[in-house]
Amino acid sequence: MSMRCYKGRRLNLLCLLVAMVIVSTVAHSTPIPRTPATQIVSIVPNSGPAKGGTRVTIKGQGFAAGATVAFGYAPASGGYQYATDVRVTNETTIVATTPAHEPGTVDLIVANPGRQSEVMTAAFTYK
């Protein structure tokens, strides 16, 4: 049995009601995936040599594949110092290698693709 939803230029009321029920059912039965806000909880170890090369583990939430990790801003080199070998293990863990940076305490920045980012101030100390 087929149902004609249009008669001339008028929409059949029964078809409209059926369509509304289908849309309502799909909208209420399909959960919308939500990603947690990006948050940095810890970095271990939290210090290393100025030459870089320290393997660190960053714990938090909302980390996504393709995230970048930066350690402070270095005016001498004109920008943020990005970690190398960044691996997002899961949404709560990132493992990365620190870049070289002048001695001092710096902020840690994790940026997910799509510009969602988080800063942990005074997170890592270069010695």
PDB file of N, CA and C in Angstrom:
ATOM      1  N   MET A   1       0.843  -1.167   0.000  1.00  0.00           N
ATOM      2  CA  MET A   1       0.000   0.000   0.000  1.00  0.00           C
ATOM      3  C   MET A   1       0.892   1.235   0.000  1.00  0.00           C
ATOM      4  N   SER A   2       0.627   2.165  -0.873  1.00  0.00           N
ATOM      5  CA  SER A   2       1.402   3.395  -0.895  1.00  0.00           C
ATOM      6  C   SER A   2       0.544   4.543  -0.397  1.00  0.00           C
ATOM      7  N   MET A   3       1.199   5.536   0.152  1.00  0.00           N
ATOM      8  CA  MET A   3       0.496   6.683   0.683  1.00  0.00           C
ATOM      9  C   MET A   3       0.922   7.918  -0.100  1.00  0.00           C
ATOM     10  N   ARG A   4      -0.041   8.644  -0.593  1.00  0.00           N
ATOM     11  CA  ARG A   4       0.278   9.882  -1.298  1.00  0.00           C
ATOM     12  C   ARG A   4       0.194  11.017  -0.294  1.00  0.00           C
ATOM     13  N   CYS A   5       1.314  11.699  -0.122  1.00  0.00           N
ATOM     14  CA  CYS A   5       1.355  12.778   0.858  1.00  0.00           C
ATOM     15  C   CYS A   5       0.956  14.113   0.268  1.00  0.00           C
ATOM     16  N   TYR A   6       0.981  14.234  -1.017  1.00  0.00           N
ATOM     17  CA  TYR A   6       0.611  15.493  -1.641  1.00  0.00           C
ATOM     18  C   TYR A   6      -0.582  15.282  -2.551  1.00  0.00           C
ATOM     19  N   LYS A   7      -1.503  16.143  -2.448  1.00  0.00           N
ATOM     20  CA  LYS A   7      -2.644  16.134  -3.354  1.00  0.00           C
ATOM     21  C   LYS A   7      -2.681  17.544  -3.922  1.00  0.00           C
ATOM     22  N   GLY A   8      -2.211  17.645  -5.137  1.00  0.00           N
ATOM     23  CA  GLY A   8      -2.064  18.977  -5.698  1.00  0.00           C
ATOM     24  C   GLY A   8      -0.913  19.661  -4.984  1.00  0.00           C
ATOM     25  N   ARG A   9      -1.184  20.769  -4.371  1.00  0.00           N
ATOM     26  CA  ARG A   9      -0.145  21.493  -3.636  1.00  0.00           C
ATOM     27  C   ARG A   9      -0.366  21.426  -2.125  1.00  0.00           C
ATOM     28  N   ARG A  10      -1.331  20.625  -1.686  1.00  0.00           N
ATOM     29  CA  ARG A  10      -1.627  20.532  -0.265  1.00  0.00           C
ATOM     30  C   ARG A  10      -0.993  19.287   0.346  1.00  0.00           C
ATOM     31  N   LEU A  11      -0.449  19.451   1.532  1.00  0.00           N
ATOM     32  CA  LEU A  11       0.161  18.350   2.262  1.00  0.00           C
ATOM     33  C   LEU A  11      -0.927  17.578   2.993  1.00  0.00           C
ATOM     34  N   ASN A  12      -0.924  16.263   2.842  1.00  0.00           N
ATOM     35  CA  ASN A  12      -1.881  15.409   3.513  1.00  0.00           C
ATOM     36  C   ASN A  12      -1.622  15.476   5.020  1.00  0.00           C
ATOM     37  N   LEU A  13      -2.623  15.747   5.815  1.00  0.00           N
ATOM     38  CA  LEU A  13      -2.488  15.887   7.254  1.00  0.00           C
ATOM     39  C   LEU A  13      -1.954  14.614   7.898  1.00  0.00           C
ATOM     40  N   LEU A  14      -2.392  13.445   7.441  1.00  0.00           N
ATOM     41  CA  LEU A  14      -1.912  12.184   7.991  1.00  0.00           C
ATOM     42  C   LEU A  14      -0.405  12.042   7.778  1.00  0.00           C
ATOM     43  N   CYS A  15       0.086  12.393   6.585  1.00  0.00           N
ATOM     44  CA  CYS A  15       1.525  12.312   6.302  1.00  0.00           C
ATOM     45  C   CYS A  15       2.309  13.252   7.212  1.00  0.00           C
ATOM     46  N   LEU A  16       1.787  14.425   7.437  1.00  0.00           N
ATOM     47  CA  LEU A  16       2.445  15.392   8.315  1.00  0.00           C
ATOM     48  C   LEU A  16       2.548  14.841   9.728  1.00  0.00           C
ATOM     49  N   LEU A  17       1.490  14.248  10.245  1.00  0.00           N
ATOM     50  CA  LEU A  17       1.520  13.676  11.586  1.00  0.00           C
ATOM     51  C   LEU A  17       2.511  12.519  11.682  1.00  0.00           C
ATOM     52  N   VAL A  18       2.529  11.651  10.677  1.00  0.00           N
ATOM     53  CA  VAL A  18       3.475  10.523  10.660  1.00  0.00           C
ATOM     54  C   VAL A  18       4.905  11.045  10.662  1.00  0.00           C
ATOM     55  N   ALA A  19       5.184  12.045   9.842  1.00  0.00           N
ATOM     56  CA  ALA A  19       6.534  12.627   9.782  1.00  0.00           C
ATOM     57  C   ALA A  19       6.927  13.223  11.125  1.00  0.00           C
ATOM     58  N   MET A  20       6.007  13.895  11.807  1.00  0.00           N
ATOM     59  CA  MET A  20       6.306  14.490  13.112  1.00  0.00           C
ATOM     60  C   MET A  20       6.621  13.414  14.140  1.00  0.00           C
ATOM     61  N   VAL A  21       5.890  12.303  14.122  1.00  0.00           N
ATOM     62  CA  VAL A  21       6.144  11.204  15.059  1.00  0.00           C
ATOM     63  C   VAL A  21       7.513  10.596  14.798  1.00  0.00           C
ATOM     64  N   ILE A  22       7.867  10.390  13.536  1.00  0.00           N
ATOM     65  CA  ILE A  22       9.171   9.808  13.188  1.00  0.00           C
ATOM     66  C   ILE A  22      10.298  10.725  13.650  1.00  0.00           C
ATOM     67  N   VAL A  23      10.208  11.998  13.354  1.00  0.00           N
ATOM     68  CA  VAL A  23      11.252  12.946  13.753  1.00  0.00           C
ATOM     69  C   VAL A  23      11.373  12.996  15.265  1.00  0.00           C
ATOM     70  N   SER A  24      10.254  13.033  15.965  1.00  0.00           N
ATOM     71  CA  SER A  24      10.263  13.075  17.420  1.00  0.00           C
ATOM     72  C   SER A  24      10.896  11.815  18.002  1.00  0.00           C
ATOM     73  N   THR A  25      10.563  10.655  17.450  1.00  0.00           N
ATOM     74  CA  THR A  25      11.109   9.389  17.930  1.00  0.00           C
ATOM     75  C   THR A  25      12.613   9.328  17.728  1.00  0.00           C
ATOM     76  N   VAL A  26      13.087   9.723  16.561  1.00  0.00           N
ATOM     77  CA  VAL A  26      14.521   9.710  16.275  1.00  0.00           C
ATOM     78  C   VAL A  26      15.245  10.707  17.168  1.00  0.00           C
ATOM     79  N   ALA A  27      14.691  11.886  17.339  1.00  0.00           N
ATOM     80  CA  ALA A  27      15.338  12.918  18.152  1.00  0.00           C
ATOM     81  C   ALA A  27      15.470  12.499  19.601  1.00  0.00           C
ATOM     82  N   HIS A  28      14.490  11.760  20.121  1.00  0.00           N
ATOM     83  CA  HIS A  28      14.529  11.371  21.519  1.00  0.00           C
ATOM     84  C   HIS A  28      15.248  10.051  21.760  1.00  0.00           C
ATOM     85  N   SER A  29      15.476   9.262  20.733  1.00  0.00           N
ATOM     86  CA  SER A  29      16.124   7.970  20.930  1.00  0.00           C
ATOM     87  C   SER A  29      17.595   7.986  20.555  1.00  0.00           C
ATOM     88  N   THR A  30      18.058   9.041  19.897  1.00  0.00           N
ATOM     89  CA  THR A  30      19.445   9.126  19.498  1.00  0.00           C
ATOM     90  C   THR A  30      20.165  10.124  20.398  1.00  0.00           C
ATOM     91  N   PRO A  31      20.994   9.632  21.329  1.00  0.00           N
ATOM     92  CA  PRO A  31      21.675  10.569  22.216  1.00  0.00           C
ATOM     93  C   PRO A  31      22.688  11.415  21.433  1.00  0.00           C
ATOM     94  N   ILE A  32      22.799  12.653  21.818  1.00  0.00           N
ATOM     95  CA  ILE A  32      23.770  13.547  21.192  1.00  0.00           C
ATOM     96  C   ILE A  32      25.084  13.376  21.937  1.00  0.00           C
ATOM     97  N   PRO A  33      26.141  12.962  21.218  1.00  0.00           N
ATOM     98  CA  PRO A  33      27.411  12.781  21.915  1.00  0.00           C
ATOM     99  C   PRO A  33      27.938  14.121  22.413  1.00  0.00           C
ATOM    100  N   ARG A  34      28.369  14.139  23.636  1.00  0.00           N
ATOM    101  CA  ARG A  34      28.922  15.361  24.216  1.00  0.00           C
ATOM    102  C   ARG A  34      30.365  15.104  24.595  1.00  0.00           C
ATOM    103  N   THR A  35      31.225  16.056  24.276  1.00  0.00           N
ATOM    104  CA  THR A  35      32.622  15.921  24.664  1.00  0.00           C
ATOM    105  C   THR A  35      32.857  16.780  25.891  1.00  0.00           C
ATOM    106  N   PRO A  36      33.553  16.227  26.874  1.00  0.00           N
ATOM    107  CA  PRO A  36      33.807  17.009  28.074  1.00  0.00           C
ATOM    108  C   PRO A  36      34.723  18.187  27.754  1.00  0.00           C
ATOM    109  N   ALA A  37      34.604  19.227  28.534  1.00  0.00           N
ATOM    110  CA  ALA A  37      35.480  20.382  28.356  1.00  0.00           C
ATOM    111  C   ALA A  37      36.917  19.943  28.604  1.00  0.00           C
ATOM    112  N   THR A  38      37.836  20.546  27.865  1.00  0.00           N
ATOM    113  CA  THR A  38      39.245  20.227  28.049  1.00  0.00           C
ATOM    114  C   THR A  38      39.704  20.741  29.410  1.00  0.00           C
ATOM    115  N   GLN A  39      40.396  19.885  30.153  1.00  0.00           N
ATOM    116  CA  GLN A  39      40.898  20.273  31.466  1.00  0.00           C
ATOM    117  C   GLN A  39      42.217  19.555  31.710  1.00  0.00           C
ATOM    118  N   ILE A  40      43.204  20.288  32.211  1.00  0.00           N
ATOM    119  CA  ILE A  40      44.486  19.696  32.591  1.00  0.00           C
ATOM    120  C   ILE A  40      44.497  19.567  34.109  1.00  0.00           C
ATOM    121  N   VAL A  41      44.791  18.365  34.592  1.00  0.00           N
ATOM    122  CA  VAL A  41      44.819  18.115  36.031  1.00  0.00           C
ATOM    123  C   VAL A  41      46.250  18.025  36.546  1.00  0.00           C
ATOM    124  N   SER A  42      47.142  17.356  35.783  1.00  0.00           N
ATOM    125  CA  SER A  42      48.520  17.188  36.258  1.00  0.00           C
ATOM    126  C   SER A  42      49.472  16.950  35.096  1.00  0.00           C
ATOM    127  N   ILE A  43      50.756  17.179  35.378  1.00  0.00           N
ATOM    128  CA  ILE A  43      51.837  16.840  34.450  1.00  0.00           C
ATOM    129  C   ILE A  43      52.948  16.203  35.278  1.00  0.00           C
ATOM    130  N   VAL A  44      53.417  15.032  34.825  1.00  0.00           N
ATOM    131  CA  VAL A  44      54.459  14.285  35.544  1.00  0.00           C
ATOM    132  C   VAL A  44      55.513  13.846  34.553  1.00  0.00           C
ATOM    133  N   PRO A  45      56.777  14.140  34.796  1.00  0.00           N
ATOM    134  CA  PRO A  45      57.291  15.034  35.830  1.00  0.00           C
ATOM    135  C   PRO A  45      56.945  16.480  35.503  1.00  0.00           C
ATOM    136  N   ASN A  46      57.103  17.358  36.487  1.00  0.00           N
ATOM    137  CA  ASN A  46      56.767  18.757  36.272  1.00  0.00           C
ATOM    138  C   ASN A  46      58.008  19.650  36.150  1.00  0.00           C
ATOM    139  N   SER A  47      59.159  19.013  35.905  1.00  0.00           N
ATOM    140  CA  SER A  47      60.389  19.783  35.659  1.00  0.00           C
ATOM    141  C   SER A  47      61.335  18.952  34.802  1.00  0.00           C
ATOM    142  N   GLY A  48      62.271  19.660  34.159  1.00  0.00           N
ATOM    143  CA  GLY A  48      63.232  18.980  33.313  1.00  0.00           C
ATOM    144  C   GLY A  48      64.278  19.961  32.805  1.00  0.00           C
ATOM    145  N   PRO A  49      65.269  19.467  32.070  1.00  0.00           N
ATOM    146  CA  PRO A  49      66.356  20.323  31.597  1.00  0.00           C
ATOM    147  C   PRO A  49      65.902  21.310  30.506  1.00  0.00           C
ATOM    148  N   ALA A  50      66.589  22.446  30.448  1.00  0.00           N
ATOM    149  CA  ALA A  50      66.279  23.482  29.449  1.00  0.00           C
ATOM    150  C   ALA A  50      66.502  22.980  28.023  1.00  0.00           C
ATOM    151  N   LYS A  51      67.326  21.973  27.850  1.00  0.00           N
ATOM    152  CA  LYS A  51      67.567  21.439  26.503  1.00  0.00           C
ATOM    153  C   LYS A  51      66.370  20.654  25.968  1.00  0.00           C
ATOM    154  N   GLY A  52      65.351  20.414  26.834  1.00  0.00           N
ATOM    155  CA  GLY A  52      64.168  19.662  26.418  1.00  0.00           C
ATOM    156  C   GLY A  52      64.421  18.168  26.453  1.00  0.00           C
ATOM    157  N   GLY A  53      63.526  17.403  25.837  1.00  0.00           N
ATOM    158  CA  GLY A  53      63.691  15.958  25.751  1.00  0.00           C
ATOM    159  C   GLY A  53      63.091  15.170  26.895  1.00  0.00           C
ATOM    160  N   THR A  54      62.404  15.831  27.819  1.00  0.00           N
ATOM    161  CA  THR A  54      61.779  15.125  28.938  1.00  0.00           C
ATOM    162  C   THR A  54      60.444  14.551  28.482  1.00  0.00           C
ATOM    163  N   ARG A  55      60.265  13.266  28.716  1.00  0.00           N
ATOM    164  CA  ARG A  55      58.991  12.607  28.377  1.00  0.00           C
ATOM    165  C   ARG A  55      58.027  12.871  29.526  1.00  0.00           C
ATOM    166  N   VAL A  56      56.875  13.505  29.236  1.00  0.00           N
ATOM    167  CA  VAL A  56      55.910  13.847  30.276  1.00  0.00           C
ATOM    168  C   VAL A  56      54.571  13.170  30.002  1.00  0.00           C
ATOM    169  N   THR A  57      53.829  12.953  31.084  1.00  0.00           N
ATOM    170  CA  THR A  57      52.468  12.438  30.987  1.00  0.00           C
ATOM    171  C   THR A  57      51.538  13.514  31.521  1.00  0.00           C
ATOM    172  N   ILE A  58      50.586  13.911  30.697  1.00  0.00           N
ATOM    173  CA  ILE A  58      49.625  14.943  31.061  1.00  0.00           C
ATOM    174  C   ILE A  58      48.291  14.255  31.309  1.00  0.00           C
ATOM    175  N   LYS A  59      47.716  14.499  32.482  1.00  0.00           N
ATOM    176  CA  LYS A  59      46.423  13.910  32.842  1.00  0.00           C
ATOM    177  C   LYS A  59      45.368  15.012  32.878  1.00  0.00           C
ATOM    178  N   GLY A  60      44.156  14.643  32.507  1.00  0.00           N
ATOM    179  CA  GLY A  60      43.059  15.599  32.514  1.00  0.00           C
ATOM    180  C   GLY A  60      41.822  14.984  31.914  1.00  0.00           C
ATOM    181  N   GLN A  61      41.100  15.776  31.133  1.00  0.00           N
ATOM    182  CA  GLN A  61      39.910  15.264  30.455  1.00  0.00           C
ATOM    183  C   GLN A  61      39.661  16.057  29.191  1.00  0.00           C
ATOM    184  N   GLY A  62      38.929  15.444  28.280  1.00  0.00           N
ATOM    185  CA  GLY A  62      38.534  16.114  27.044  1.00  0.00           C
ATOM    186  C   GLY A  62      39.628  16.207  25.993  1.00  0.00           C
ATOM    187  N   PHE A  63      40.702  15.412  26.135  1.00  0.00           N
ATOM    188  CA  PHE A  63      41.763  15.439  25.128  1.00  0.00           C
ATOM    189  C   PHE A  63      41.287  14.703  23.876  1.00  0.00           C
ATOM    190  N   ALA A  64      41.632  15.243  22.709  1.00  0.00           N
ATOM    191  CA  ALA A  64      41.190  14.652  21.449  1.00  0.00           C
ATOM    192  C   ALA A  64      42.382  14.342  20.556  1.00  0.00           C
ATOM    193  N   ALA A  65      42.214  13.342  19.698  1.00  0.00           N
ATOM    194  CA  ALA A  65      43.256  12.991  18.725  1.00  0.00           C
ATOM    195  C   ALA A  65      43.626  14.241  17.934  1.00  0.00           C
ATOM    196  N   GLY A  66      44.919  14.441  17.736  1.00  0.00           N
ATOM    197  CA  GLY A  66      45.385  15.611  17.000  1.00  0.00           C
ATOM    198  C   GLY A  66      45.666  16.811  17.881  1.00  0.00           C
ATOM    199  N   ALA A  67      45.531  16.646  19.198  1.00  0.00           N
ATOM    200  CA  ALA A  67      45.798  17.754  20.116  1.00  0.00           C
ATOM    201  C   ALA A  67      47.265  18.173  20.021  1.00  0.00           C
ATOM    202  N   THR A  68      47.516  19.462  20.250  1.00  0.00           N
ATOM    203  CA  THR A  68      48.884  19.969  20.323  1.00  0.00           C
ATOM    204  C   THR A  68      49.177  20.365  21.757  1.00  0.00           C
ATOM    205  N   VAL A  69      50.456  20.298  22.107  1.00  0.00           N
ATOM    206  CA  VAL A  69      50.895  20.630  23.465  1.00  0.00           C
ATOM    207  C   VAL A  69      52.001  21.668  23.353  1.00  0.00           C
ATOM    208  N   ALA A  70      51.865  22.764  24.100  1.00  0.00           N
ATOM    209  CA  ALA A  70      52.875  23.820  24.084  1.00  0.00           C
ATOM    210  C   ALA A  70      53.337  24.103  25.505  1.00  0.00           C
ATOM    211  N   PHE A  71      54.613  24.464  25.608  1.00  0.00           N
ATOM    212  CA  PHE A  71      55.216  24.783  26.898  1.00  0.00           C
ATOM    213  C   PHE A  71      55.675  26.231  26.874  1.00  0.00           C
ATOM    214  N   GLY A  72      54.856  27.108  27.418  1.00  0.00           N
ATOM    215  CA  GLY A  72      55.228  28.510  27.559  1.00  0.00           C
ATOM    216  C   GLY A  72      55.423  29.250  26.251  1.00  0.00           C
ATOM    217  N   TYR A  73      55.614  30.538  26.410  1.00  0.00           N
ATOM    218  CA  TYR A  73      55.828  31.440  25.281  1.00  0.00           C
ATOM    219  C   TYR A  73      57.260  31.932  25.373  1.00  0.00           C
ATOM    220  N   ALA A  74      57.991  31.845  24.275  1.00  0.00           N
ATOM    221  CA  ALA A  74      59.395  32.263  24.263  1.00  0.00           C
ATOM    222  C   ALA A  74      59.557  33.435  23.295  1.00  0.00           C
ATOM    223  N   PRO A  75      59.597  34.669  23.811  1.00  0.00           N
ATOM    224  CA  PRO A  75      59.724  35.836  22.938  1.00  0.00           C
ATOM    225  C   PRO A  75      60.952  35.778  22.022  1.00  0.00           C
ATOM    226  N   ALA A  76      62.037  35.208  22.513  1.00  0.00           N
ATOM    227  CA  ALA A  76      63.274  35.146  21.718  1.00  0.00           C
ATOM    228  C   ALA A  76      63.072  34.342  20.436  1.00  0.00           C
ATOM    229  N   SER A  77      62.263  33.292  20.515  1.00  0.00           N
ATOM    230  CA  SER A  77      62.027  32.473  19.320  1.00  0.00           C
ATOM    231  C   SER A  77      60.719  32.845  18.628  1.00  0.00           C
ATOM    232  N   GLY A  78      60.007  33.803  19.186  1.00  0.00           N
ATOM    233  CA  GLY A  78      58.822  34.322  18.521  1.00  0.00           C
ATOM    234  C   GLY A  78      57.541  33.531  18.680  1.00  0.00           C
ATOM    235  N   GLY A  79      57.427  32.708  19.699  1.00  0.00           N
ATOM    236  CA  GLY A  79      56.156  32.008  19.860  1.00  0.00           C
ATOM    237  C   GLY A  79      56.187  30.917  20.904  1.00  0.00           C
ATOM    238  N   TYR A  80      55.144  30.126  20.860  1.00  0.00           N
ATOM    239  CA  TYR A  80      55.035  29.007  21.784  1.00  0.00           C
ATOM    240  C   TYR A  80      56.021  27.915  21.394  1.00  0.00           C
ATOM    241  N   GLN A  81      56.467  27.178  22.380  1.00  0.00           N
ATOM    242  CA  GLN A  81      57.385  26.069  22.167  1.00  0.00           C
ATOM    243  C   GLN A  81      56.569  24.778  22.210  1.00  0.00           C
ATOM    244  N   TYR A  82      56.454  24.120  21.057  1.00  0.00           N
ATOM    245  CA  TYR A  82      55.583  22.954  20.956  1.00  0.00           C
ATOM    246  C   TYR A  82      56.312  21.655  21.271  1.00  0.00           C
ATOM    247  N   ALA A  83      55.607  20.786  21.996  1.00  0.00           N
ATOM    248  CA  ALA A  83      56.129  19.466  22.333  1.00  0.00           C
ATOM    249  C   ALA A  83      56.216  18.624  21.061  1.00  0.00           C
ATOM    250  N   THR A  84      57.081  17.639  21.114  1.00  0.00           N
ATOM    251  CA  THR A  84      57.217  16.701  20.003  1.00  0.00           C
ATOM    252  C   THR A  84      56.687  15.343  20.443  1.00  0.00           C
ATOM    253  N   ASP A  85      56.490  14.468  19.491  1.00  0.00           N
ATOM    254  CA  ASP A  85      56.038  13.102  19.753  1.00  0.00           C
ATOM    255  C   ASP A  85      54.821  13.078  20.680  1.00  0.00           C
ATOM    256  N   VAL A  86      53.826  13.900  20.346  1.00  0.00           N
ATOM    257  CA  VAL A  86      52.601  13.986  21.149  1.00  0.00           C
ATOM    258  C   VAL A  86      51.700  12.811  20.820  1.00  0.00           C
ATOM    259  N   ARG A  87      51.305  12.090  21.856  1.00  0.00           N
ATOM    260  CA  ARG A  87      50.408  10.944  21.678  1.00  0.00           C
ATOM    261  C   ARG A  87      49.236  11.063  22.634  1.00  0.00           C
ATOM    262  N   VAL A  88      48.049  11.170  22.066  1.00  0.00           N
ATOM    263  CA  VAL A  88      46.837  11.191  22.878  1.00  0.00           C
ATOM    264  C   VAL A  88      46.437   9.731  23.080  1.00  0.00           C
ATOM    265  N   THR A  89      46.701   9.237  24.274  1.00  0.00           N
ATOM    266  CA  THR A  89      46.411   7.837  24.594  1.00  0.00           C
ATOM    267  C   THR A  89      44.913   7.599  24.666  1.00  0.00           C
ATOM    268  N   ASN A  90      44.218   8.506  25.317  1.00  0.00           N
ATOM    269  CA  ASN A  90      42.752   8.487  25.410  1.00  0.00           C
ATOM    270  C   ASN A  90      42.310   9.881  25.820  1.00  0.00           C
ATOM    271  N   GLU A  91      41.038  10.063  26.113  1.00  0.00           N
ATOM    272  CA  GLU A  91      40.565  11.420  26.402  1.00  0.00           C
ATOM    273  C   GLU A  91      41.062  11.975  27.732  1.00  0.00           C
ATOM    274  N   THR A  92      41.775  11.163  28.514  1.00  0.00           N
ATOM    275  CA  THR A  92      42.281  11.636  29.805  1.00  0.00           C
ATOM    276  C   THR A  92      43.813  11.663  29.904  1.00  0.00           C
ATOM    277  N   THR A  93      44.520  11.188  28.867  1.00  0.00           N
ATOM    278  CA  THR A  93      45.976  11.083  28.959  1.00  0.00           C
ATOM    279  C   THR A  93      46.668  11.475  27.657  1.00  0.00           C
ATOM    280  N   ILE A  94      47.693  12.312  27.804  1.00  0.00           N
ATOM    281  CA  ILE A  94      48.580  12.665  26.691  1.00  0.00           C
ATOM    282  C   ILE A  94      50.007  12.403  27.147  1.00  0.00           C
ATOM    283  N   VAL A  95      50.802  11.818  26.259  1.00  0.00           N
ATOM    284  CA  VAL A  95      52.230  11.637  26.511  1.00  0.00           C
ATOM    285  C   VAL A  95      52.960  12.451  25.448  1.00  0.00           C
ATOM    286  N   ALA A  96      53.966  13.234  25.870  1.00  0.00           N
ATOM    287  CA  ALA A  96      54.675  14.106  24.935  1.00  0.00           C
ATOM    288  C   ALA A  96      56.110  14.321  25.400  1.00  0.00           C
ATOM    289  N   THR A  97      56.930  14.880  24.505  1.00  0.00           N
ATOM    290  CA  THR A  97      58.322  15.203  24.819  1.00  0.00           C
ATOM    291  C   THR A  97      58.479  16.717  24.822  1.00  0.00           C
ATOM    292  N   THR A  98      59.077  17.228  25.905  1.00  0.00           N
ATOM    293  CA  THR A  98      59.222  18.681  26.041  1.00  0.00           C
ATOM    294  C   THR A  98      60.197  19.240  25.014  1.00  0.00           C
ATOM    295  N   PRO A  99      59.910  20.455  24.530  1.00  0.00           N
ATOM    296  CA  PRO A  99      60.834  21.142  23.638  1.00  0.00           C
ATOM    297  C   PRO A  99      61.891  21.867  24.473  1.00  0.00           C
ATOM    298  N   ALA A 100      62.931  22.355  23.833  1.00  0.00           N
ATOM    299  CA  ALA A 100      63.915  23.192  24.529  1.00  0.00           C
ATOM    300  C   ALA A 100      63.257  24.524  24.888  1.00  0.00           C
ATOM    301  N   HIS A 101      63.718  25.122  25.995  1.00  0.00           N
ATOM    302  CA  HIS A 101      63.157  26.399  26.455  1.00  0.00           C
ATOM    303  C   HIS A 101      64.152  27.007  27.444  1.00  0.00           C
ATOM    304  N   GLU A 102      64.201  28.326  27.498  1.00  0.00           N
ATOM    305  CA  GLU A 102      65.084  28.940  28.481  1.00  0.00           C
ATOM    306  C   GLU A 102      64.617  28.565  29.888  1.00  0.00           C
ATOM    307  N   PRO A 103      65.558  28.527  30.859  1.00  0.00           N
ATOM    308  CA  PRO A 103      65.204  28.145  32.230  1.00  0.00           C
ATOM    309  C   PRO A 103      64.088  29.028  32.800  1.00  0.00           C
ATOM    310  N   GLY A 104      63.251  28.412  33.607  1.00  0.00           N
ATOM    311  CA  GLY A 104      62.153  29.120  34.253  1.00  0.00           C
ATOM    312  C   GLY A 104      60.893  28.270  34.272  1.00  0.00           C
ATOM    313  N   THR A 105      59.875  28.789  34.929  1.00  0.00           N
ATOM    314  CA  THR A 105      58.598  28.088  35.029  1.00  0.00           C
ATOM    315  C   THR A 105      57.660  28.610  33.951  1.00  0.00           C
ATOM    316  N   VAL A 106      57.019  27.671  33.247  1.00  0.00           N
ATOM    317  CA  VAL A 106      56.176  28.039  32.103  1.00  0.00           C
ATOM    318  C   VAL A 106      54.777  27.434  32.225  1.00  0.00           C
ATOM    319  N   ASP A 107      53.861  28.001  31.461  1.00  0.00           N
ATOM    320  CA  ASP A 107      52.504  27.467  31.375  1.00  0.00           C
ATOM    321  C   ASP A 107      52.486  26.280  30.418  1.00  0.00           C
ATOM    322  N   LEU A 108      51.529  25.399  30.622  1.00  0.00           N
ATOM    323  CA  LEU A 108      51.301  24.256  29.747  1.00  0.00           C
ATOM    324  C   LEU A 108      49.985  24.497  29.026  1.00  0.00           C
ATOM    325  N   ILE A 109      49.985  24.361  27.706  1.00  0.00           N
ATOM    326  CA  ILE A 109      48.780  24.579  26.910  1.00  0.00           C
ATOM    327  C   ILE A 109      48.477  23.315  26.115  1.00  0.00           C
ATOM    328  N   VAL A 110      47.256  22.816  26.237  1.00  0.00           N
ATOM    329  CA  VAL A 110      46.785  21.704  25.414  1.00  0.00           C
ATOM    330  C   VAL A 110      45.666  22.261  24.537  1.00  0.00           C
ATOM    331  N   ALA A 111      45.826  22.108  23.225  1.00  0.00           N
ATOM    332  CA  ALA A 111      44.814  22.608  22.286  1.00  0.00           C
ATOM    333  C   ALA A 111      44.304  21.462  21.422  1.00  0.00           C
ATOM    334  N   ASN A 112      43.023  21.210  21.503  1.00  0.00           N
ATOM    335  CA  ASN A 112      42.383  20.204  20.652  1.00  0.00           C
ATOM    336  C   ASN A 112      42.107  20.805  19.283  1.00  0.00           C
ATOM    337  N   PRO A 113      41.985  19.966  18.269  1.00  0.00           N
ATOM    338  CA  PRO A 113      41.548  20.479  16.969  1.00  0.00           C
ATOM    339  C   PRO A 113      40.194  21.181  17.158  1.00  0.00           C
ATOM    340  N   GLY A 114      39.977  22.242  16.443  1.00  0.00           N
ATOM    341  CA  GLY A 114      38.733  22.985  16.611  1.00  0.00           C
ATOM    342  C   GLY A 114      38.855  24.095  17.629  1.00  0.00           C
ATOM    343  N   ARG A 115      40.062  24.350  18.099  1.00  0.00           N
ATOM    344  CA  ARG A 115      40.378  25.489  18.962  1.00  0.00           C
ATOM    345  C   ARG A 115      39.977  25.352  20.424  1.00  0.00           C
ATOM    346  N   GLN A 116      39.447  24.219  20.877  1.00  0.00           N
ATOM    347  CA  GLN A 116      39.163  24.052  22.289  1.00  0.00           C
ATOM    348  C   GLN A 116      40.486  23.827  22.994  1.00  0.00           C
ATOM    349  N   SER A 117      40.815  24.690  23.971  1.00  0.00           N
ATOM    350  CA  SER A 117      42.112  24.558  24.628  1.00  0.00           C
ATOM    351  C   SER A 117      42.010  24.829  26.120  1.00  0.00           C
ATOM    352  N   GLU A 118      43.085  24.480  26.807  1.00  0.00           N
ATOM    353  CA  GLU A 118      43.166  24.670  28.251  1.00  0.00           C
ATOM    354  C   GLU A 118      44.597  25.052  28.609  1.00  0.00           C
ATOM    355  N   VAL A 119      44.731  25.919  29.598  1.00  0.00           N
ATOM    356  CA  VAL A 119      46.047  26.357  30.071  1.00  0.00           C
ATOM    357  C   VAL A 119      46.183  25.985  31.539  1.00  0.00           C
ATOM    358  N   MET A 120      47.319  25.388  31.883  1.00  0.00           N
ATOM    359  CA  MET A 120      47.671  25.166  33.282  1.00  0.00           C
ATOM    360  C   MET A 120      48.831  26.100  33.556  1.00  0.00           C
ATOM    361  N   THR A 121      48.612  27.099  34.395  1.00  0.00           N
ATOM    362  CA  THR A 121      49.657  28.088  34.654  1.00  0.00           C
ATOM    363  C   THR A 121      50.749  27.511  35.542  1.00  0.00           C
ATOM    364  N   ALA A 122      51.968  27.980  35.294  1.00  0.00           N
ATOM    365  CA  ALA A 122      53.145  27.573  36.070  1.00  0.00           C
ATOM    366  C   ALA A 122      53.210  26.049  36.246  1.00  0.00           C
ATOM    367  N   ALA A 123      53.066  25.333  35.148  1.00  0.00           N
ATOM    368  CA  ALA A 123      52.938  23.874  35.190  1.00  0.00           C
ATOM    369  C   ALA A 123      54.252  23.119  35.097  1.00  0.00           C
ATOM    370  N   PHE A 124      55.259  23.711  34.423  1.00  0.00           N
ATOM    371  CA  PHE A 124      56.509  22.989  34.174  1.00  0.00           C
ATOM    372  C   PHE A 124      57.691  23.928  34.392  1.00  0.00           C
ATOM    373  N   THR A 125      58.723  23.411  35.047  1.00  0.00           N
ATOM    374  CA  THR A 125      59.924  24.220  35.308  1.00  0.00           C
ATOM    375  C   THR A 125      61.109  23.671  34.531  1.00  0.00           C
ATOM    376  N   TYR A 126      61.677  24.542  33.705  1.00  0.00           N
ATOM    377  CA  TYR A 126      62.913  24.222  32.985  1.00  0.00           C
ATOM    378  C   TYR A 126      64.087  24.618  33.868  1.00  0.00           C
ATOM    379  N   LYS A 127      65.069  23.710  34.010  1.00  0.00           N
ATOM    380  CA  LYS A 127      66.245  23.972  34.858  1.00  0.00           C
ATOM    381  C   LYS A 127      67.491  24.100  34.041  1.00  0.00           C
TER     382      LYS A 127
END
